[in-house]
N, C-alpha and C. Protein backbone atom coordinates (compact mmCIF):
# COMPACT_ATOMS: atom_id res chain seq x y z
N MET A 1 14.29 -3.86 7.15
CA MET A 1 13.43 -3.07 6.30
C MET A 1 12.88 -1.83 7.06
N VAL A 2 12.73 -0.76 6.31
CA VAL A 2 12.31 0.50 6.91
C VAL A 2 10.83 0.76 6.40
N VAL A 3 9.92 0.70 7.22
CA VAL A 3 8.59 1.01 6.85
C VAL A 3 8.21 2.18 7.74
N LEU A 4 7.97 3.37 7.22
CA LEU A 4 7.88 4.62 8.06
C LEU A 4 6.51 4.79 8.47
N GLU A 5 6.26 4.92 9.74
CA GLU A 5 4.79 5.17 10.16
C GLU A 5 4.81 6.48 10.82
N ASN A 6 4.22 7.50 10.13
CA ASN A 6 4.18 8.91 10.67
C ASN A 6 3.03 9.56 10.07
N LYS A 7 2.70 10.78 10.55
CA LYS A 7 1.49 11.50 10.04
C LYS A 7 1.49 11.74 8.53
N TYR A 8 2.67 11.62 7.94
CA TYR A 8 2.79 11.88 6.40
C TYR A 8 2.79 10.65 5.59
N ALA A 9 3.00 9.48 6.32
CA ALA A 9 3.04 8.26 5.56
C ALA A 9 2.40 7.19 6.20
N GLN A 10 1.15 7.04 6.02
CA GLN A 10 0.24 5.96 6.73
C GLN A 10 -0.40 5.08 5.73
N ASN A 11 -0.70 3.92 6.10
CA ASN A 11 -1.43 3.08 5.19
C ASN A 11 -2.91 3.70 5.05
N LEU A 12 -3.49 3.52 3.78
CA LEU A 12 -4.81 4.00 3.57
C LEU A 12 -5.68 2.71 3.48
N GLU A 13 -6.70 2.58 4.32
CA GLU A 13 -7.49 1.43 4.28
C GLU A 13 -8.92 1.79 4.34
N ILE A 14 -9.75 1.29 3.49
CA ILE A 14 -11.11 1.45 3.38
C ILE A 14 -11.86 0.14 3.35
N TYR A 15 -12.70 -0.09 4.32
CA TYR A 15 -13.34 -1.34 4.47
C TYR A 15 -14.84 -1.21 4.12
N ASN A 16 -15.41 -2.13 3.30
CA ASN A 16 -16.83 -2.17 3.01
C ASN A 16 -17.33 -3.61 3.19
N ASP A 17 -16.56 -4.42 3.89
CA ASP A 17 -17.05 -5.88 4.07
C ASP A 17 -17.30 -6.52 2.78
N SER A 18 -16.38 -6.12 1.74
CA SER A 18 -16.37 -6.67 0.38
C SER A 18 -15.65 -8.04 0.32
N PRO A 19 -15.99 -9.02 -0.55
CA PRO A 19 -15.18 -10.14 -0.70
C PRO A 19 -14.00 -9.82 -1.63
N VAL A 20 -13.99 -8.62 -2.22
CA VAL A 20 -12.98 -8.11 -3.12
C VAL A 20 -12.09 -7.04 -2.55
N CYS A 21 -10.80 -7.05 -2.57
CA CYS A 21 -9.97 -6.03 -2.01
C CYS A 21 -9.13 -5.61 -3.28
N ILE A 22 -9.18 -4.26 -3.51
CA ILE A 22 -8.29 -3.60 -4.42
C ILE A 22 -7.05 -3.08 -3.74
N LEU A 23 -5.91 -3.62 -4.18
CA LEU A 23 -4.60 -3.24 -3.56
C LEU A 23 -3.94 -2.20 -4.53
N ILE A 24 -3.67 -1.05 -4.10
CA ILE A 24 -3.04 0.07 -4.96
C ILE A 24 -1.66 0.40 -4.29
N PHE A 25 -0.63 0.42 -5.20
CA PHE A 25 0.67 0.83 -4.70
C PHE A 25 0.94 2.21 -5.36
N HIS A 26 1.48 3.11 -4.42
CA HIS A 26 1.85 4.41 -4.83
C HIS A 26 3.17 4.43 -5.57
N GLY A 27 3.53 5.47 -6.17
CA GLY A 27 4.71 5.59 -7.00
C GLY A 27 6.03 5.90 -6.17
N LEU A 28 7.11 5.89 -6.91
CA LEU A 28 8.45 6.12 -6.29
C LEU A 28 8.58 7.40 -5.45
N SER A 29 8.94 7.28 -4.23
CA SER A 29 9.01 8.27 -3.37
C SER A 29 7.67 9.01 -2.99
N GLY A 30 6.57 8.43 -3.31
CA GLY A 30 5.34 8.74 -2.96
C GLY A 30 4.79 8.28 -1.64
N THR A 31 3.47 8.55 -1.45
CA THR A 31 2.81 7.98 -0.18
C THR A 31 1.40 7.65 -0.61
N PRO A 32 0.71 6.89 0.36
CA PRO A 32 -0.68 6.40 0.03
C PRO A 32 -1.67 7.67 -0.19
N ILE A 33 -1.43 8.76 0.45
CA ILE A 33 -2.24 9.86 0.28
C ILE A 33 -2.40 10.36 -1.14
N GLU A 34 -1.51 10.11 -1.97
CA GLU A 34 -1.53 10.54 -3.34
C GLU A 34 -2.53 9.69 -4.12
N MET A 35 -2.88 8.47 -3.69
CA MET A 35 -3.66 7.65 -4.33
C MET A 35 -5.16 7.64 -3.66
N ARG A 36 -5.48 8.62 -2.80
CA ARG A 36 -6.67 8.68 -2.10
C ARG A 36 -7.83 8.88 -2.92
N HIS A 37 -7.88 9.61 -4.04
CA HIS A 37 -9.05 9.84 -4.86
C HIS A 37 -9.41 8.56 -5.56
N LEU A 38 -8.37 7.84 -6.01
CA LEU A 38 -8.62 6.59 -6.76
C LEU A 38 -9.15 5.53 -5.71
N ALA A 39 -8.59 5.47 -4.56
CA ALA A 39 -9.03 4.50 -3.52
C ALA A 39 -10.55 4.89 -3.13
N GLU A 40 -10.73 6.12 -2.98
CA GLU A 40 -12.19 6.55 -2.71
C GLU A 40 -13.22 6.18 -3.83
N SER A 41 -12.71 6.28 -5.03
CA SER A 41 -13.50 5.91 -6.15
C SER A 41 -13.92 4.47 -6.23
N PHE A 42 -12.96 3.61 -5.84
CA PHE A 42 -13.16 2.11 -5.82
C PHE A 42 -14.00 1.89 -4.61
N SER A 43 -13.75 2.50 -3.43
CA SER A 43 -14.57 2.28 -2.30
C SER A 43 -16.08 2.63 -2.64
N LYS A 44 -16.42 3.60 -3.28
CA LYS A 44 -17.74 4.06 -3.63
C LYS A 44 -18.46 2.95 -4.34
N GLN A 45 -17.69 2.16 -5.09
CA GLN A 45 -18.30 1.01 -5.82
C GLN A 45 -18.44 -0.25 -4.91
N GLY A 46 -18.09 -0.07 -3.63
CA GLY A 46 -18.26 -1.23 -2.65
C GLY A 46 -17.14 -2.04 -2.34
N TYR A 47 -16.00 -1.74 -2.95
CA TYR A 47 -14.82 -2.58 -2.81
C TYR A 47 -14.06 -2.18 -1.48
N ASP A 48 -13.47 -3.19 -0.83
CA ASP A 48 -12.42 -2.87 0.10
C ASP A 48 -11.18 -2.35 -0.65
N VAL A 49 -10.50 -1.34 -0.04
CA VAL A 49 -9.31 -0.75 -0.73
C VAL A 49 -8.16 -0.69 0.29
N PHE A 50 -6.92 -1.03 -0.20
CA PHE A 50 -5.78 -0.95 0.73
C PHE A 50 -4.63 -0.42 -0.15
N VAL A 51 -4.13 0.77 0.40
CA VAL A 51 -3.01 1.58 -0.22
C VAL A 51 -1.92 1.54 0.93
N PRO A 52 -0.82 0.70 0.78
CA PRO A 52 0.21 0.61 1.79
C PRO A 52 1.23 1.61 1.62
N ILE A 53 1.89 1.96 2.71
CA ILE A 53 3.11 2.78 2.59
C ILE A 53 4.22 1.82 2.19
N ILE A 54 4.89 1.94 1.11
CA ILE A 54 6.01 1.14 0.58
C ILE A 54 7.21 1.44 1.38
N PRO A 55 7.96 0.29 1.81
CA PRO A 55 9.14 0.54 2.64
C PRO A 55 10.15 1.63 1.97
N TYR A 56 10.70 2.36 2.85
CA TYR A 56 11.71 3.43 2.51
C TYR A 56 11.11 4.50 1.91
N HIS A 57 9.83 4.64 1.82
CA HIS A 57 9.03 5.84 1.28
C HIS A 57 8.39 6.55 2.39
N GLY A 58 8.00 7.90 1.98
CA GLY A 58 7.13 8.69 2.93
C GLY A 58 7.84 9.88 3.46
N ILE A 59 9.19 9.98 3.59
CA ILE A 59 9.71 11.22 4.29
C ILE A 59 10.55 12.05 3.20
N SER A 60 11.56 11.41 2.74
CA SER A 60 12.55 12.12 1.91
C SER A 60 13.32 11.07 0.96
N PHE A 61 13.96 11.55 -0.02
CA PHE A 61 14.80 10.77 -0.89
C PHE A 61 15.96 10.05 -0.07
N ASP A 62 16.30 10.71 0.98
CA ASP A 62 17.49 10.13 1.79
C ASP A 62 16.97 8.71 2.29
N HIS A 63 15.74 8.53 2.72
CA HIS A 63 15.39 7.21 3.12
C HIS A 63 15.40 6.17 1.92
N LEU A 64 15.01 6.66 0.76
CA LEU A 64 15.11 5.76 -0.33
C LEU A 64 16.51 5.31 -0.63
N LEU A 65 17.60 6.20 -0.37
CA LEU A 65 18.85 5.91 -0.55
C LEU A 65 19.44 4.82 0.48
N GLU A 66 18.63 4.62 1.48
CA GLU A 66 18.92 3.47 2.44
C GLU A 66 18.69 2.04 1.91
N LEU A 67 17.90 1.98 0.81
CA LEU A 67 17.56 0.63 0.26
C LEU A 67 18.81 0.19 -0.52
N LYS A 68 19.34 -0.92 -0.05
CA LYS A 68 20.48 -1.52 -0.67
C LYS A 68 20.15 -2.56 -1.60
N ASP A 69 18.99 -3.37 -1.34
CA ASP A 69 18.66 -4.55 -2.19
C ASP A 69 17.20 -4.24 -2.66
N PRO A 70 16.92 -3.91 -3.87
CA PRO A 70 15.56 -3.75 -4.36
C PRO A 70 14.65 -4.91 -4.25
N THR A 71 15.26 -6.13 -4.19
CA THR A 71 14.38 -7.30 -4.04
C THR A 71 13.72 -7.35 -2.65
N GLU A 72 14.21 -6.60 -1.73
CA GLU A 72 13.62 -6.52 -0.41
C GLU A 72 12.13 -5.92 -0.55
N ILE A 73 11.96 -4.92 -1.45
CA ILE A 73 10.66 -4.33 -1.58
C ILE A 73 9.77 -5.37 -2.33
N TYR A 74 10.46 -6.00 -3.33
CA TYR A 74 9.66 -7.07 -4.12
C TYR A 74 9.04 -8.18 -3.24
N GLU A 75 9.95 -8.62 -2.27
CA GLU A 75 9.63 -9.70 -1.33
C GLU A 75 8.45 -9.16 -0.40
N TRP A 76 8.61 -7.85 0.08
CA TRP A 76 7.64 -7.33 1.03
C TRP A 76 6.31 -7.25 0.20
N GLY A 77 6.35 -6.84 -0.95
CA GLY A 77 5.05 -6.76 -1.86
C GLY A 77 4.39 -8.20 -1.99
N LYS A 78 5.23 -9.13 -2.29
CA LYS A 78 4.63 -10.55 -2.41
C LYS A 78 4.03 -10.94 -1.01
N ALA A 79 4.69 -10.71 -0.07
CA ALA A 79 4.05 -11.08 1.39
C ALA A 79 2.87 -10.30 1.66
N LEU A 80 2.83 -9.11 1.27
CA LEU A 80 1.59 -8.22 1.56
C LEU A 80 0.39 -8.79 0.66
N ILE A 81 0.63 -9.08 -0.54
CA ILE A 81 -0.34 -9.70 -1.42
C ILE A 81 -0.91 -10.97 -0.91
N PHE A 82 0.01 -11.88 -0.44
CA PHE A 82 -0.46 -13.13 0.23
C PHE A 82 -1.36 -12.83 1.45
N GLN A 83 -0.92 -11.94 2.31
CA GLN A 83 -1.62 -11.58 3.45
C GLN A 83 -2.99 -11.06 3.19
N LYS A 84 -3.07 -10.15 2.22
CA LYS A 84 -4.35 -9.45 1.93
C LYS A 84 -5.33 -10.50 1.20
N LYS A 85 -4.80 -11.49 0.51
CA LYS A 85 -5.65 -12.42 -0.28
C LYS A 85 -6.30 -13.41 0.56
N GLN A 86 -5.68 -13.78 1.70
CA GLN A 86 -6.06 -14.91 2.44
C GLN A 86 -7.60 -14.84 2.86
N PRO A 87 -8.07 -13.78 3.45
CA PRO A 87 -9.49 -13.79 3.95
C PRO A 87 -10.48 -13.39 2.86
N ARG A 88 -10.00 -13.20 1.65
CA ARG A 88 -10.98 -12.77 0.59
C ARG A 88 -11.12 -13.73 -0.58
N LYS A 89 -12.18 -13.49 -1.28
CA LYS A 89 -12.38 -14.16 -2.50
C LYS A 89 -11.59 -13.84 -3.71
N ASN A 90 -11.35 -12.49 -3.75
CA ASN A 90 -10.55 -11.91 -4.86
C ASN A 90 -9.66 -10.65 -4.30
N LEU A 91 -8.46 -10.58 -4.87
CA LEU A 91 -7.64 -9.46 -4.59
C LEU A 91 -7.27 -8.99 -5.99
N VAL A 92 -7.58 -7.64 -6.24
CA VAL A 92 -7.32 -7.01 -7.60
C VAL A 92 -6.21 -6.08 -7.45
């Protein structure tokens, strides 16, 4: 799995010690920064917010072409949801 970590594609995390976390996924070939305003809006309401960089996203379409099995991203997403839900009362 290719999860790119660079200055153009980083997870966006905002913590408010809330029992509720809002998980936002960016669009195809996008990055978390595109969801910044939405994340900030939820954060101002007191929620924790997490916008992850999706595997194979963040640099170019060439990286998306490296994805051979789309279920890989689905399984990654399921694992992320499970991970983020553990310490919280609610995950939205």
